[in-house]
Amino acid sequence: LASCRCERRILCRCIISYRDAFSFKVYIIGSFASIKQRMKKKKFNTSNDKKIQAMAFYSLCSSSMLFLNKLAASRLDLYPGALVVVQILVSTSILVSLRLCGIISVNWEWKKIRLFTIYICGFIASIYSSAAALKRSNVETFIVFRACTPLVVSCLDYIFLGRCIPSIRSILALVGTAVAAAAYAVNDAQFVVEGAQGYSWCFSYVAAVSFEMTFGKHLTSNLHLSIWESSLFTNILALPTLTVLAALRGELRGLDTKLMNLDLYQRTILTSSSFVAFGIGYSGWLCRSLVSATTYTLLGVVNKLATVLLAVLFLDRHASAYGLLALFACVVASSQYTQAPLRSDIAEAIVVAEKEKNTSSTSTASMIIDDKSCT
């Protein structure tokens, strides 16, 4: 009886060992294919639902901001520089009031302020270069150069922020977005840039935006700032510089008189745009903290292209069927982009896979030793 029990136990362990050996072989074959799946199972601080909500919130604020700024440009007797100063002043006042009331907390450190000053320089450079580029080109030309910025930021993502090289599908999505934007500009608008100086300002704008997007992501990844801190530092540091630039350009002349003479409808437009500016500051930093720099840059391009598409479809702006197809292709191509993972996450996933492989081999070997000892 004892001999029968021992043989039965040996047989069961052999079956288990062969089954584990087969499962182990299957695991080894599919280990590298499952790295991406393992990374998805990792407990990140943020879920995909939160990322989608942040991107939707930012897109809503961005589209609303574009619409309200166009409305303010046509209904308000204010220069663009004066309008931006008023919007940032209102946003800064709201944030400072929240800080004084104790609703939000801000840690004033010299390191944070110093690095944010560098970011503000890129932010101001992007605004100034965009204004100079629009003087020497039309809006469609500007959109084409703006659509090329995700390609540049993806390279900076890989070089400075530790991201992997995007997949072939993602690269084609970025290239497709830029090509479709160029097709729209060439075929349905006057693709105009006035000489070498106009091109220099367009390329300067691409460089400034690429730096701003990359360095902004660097700040959120390494300084561990709260969203409120990022928004407050941006507004409070940008306000003096933008005010000086607007004053030098003569855009603040008679601003107090113009504000006092606004009617109720104009005040509503100005107030709405100022609160949306506050919302876009918060939602922008929230979205930037959750996604890569390339994804955030591409999202900004898609928001602008979607706004142009809605203007073509529902406003007085006309476009040919080919132009509508090109705009639609921009949105479709951008939707095929997948965010590249961090190289550190892939290295961590490989380490976990190696540990599990060693654990499985150790358990299999121990089973074989037990079977031999029982024999």
Foldseek 3Di string as FASTA:
>chain_A
DVVVVLVVVLVVLVVVLVVLVVVLVVCVVCLLVCLVVVLQVDDDPDHPVLLVVLLVLLLVLLLVLVVLVVVCVVPAPADPLVLVLLLLVLLLVVLVVCCVVVVDDADDDPVLLVLVLVLLVLVVQLVVLLVVLCVFWPPLLLLLLLLLLLVVLLVVCVVPVQFDRFDPLQVQLSVQLNVLSVQLCVAWHDGGGHPPVSVVSSVSNSVSLSCNLSSLLVCVVPVVDDLSNQLNSNSVSNNVVSVVVCVVVVRCPCVVVSVVPDDPVSVVSSVVSSVSSSSSSSSLSVSSNPAPSSLSSLSSSLSVLVSVLCCCVPHPNHGDPSSNVSSVSSNVSSVSHDGTGGPVSSVVSVVVSVVVSVVSVVVSVVSVVVSVVSD
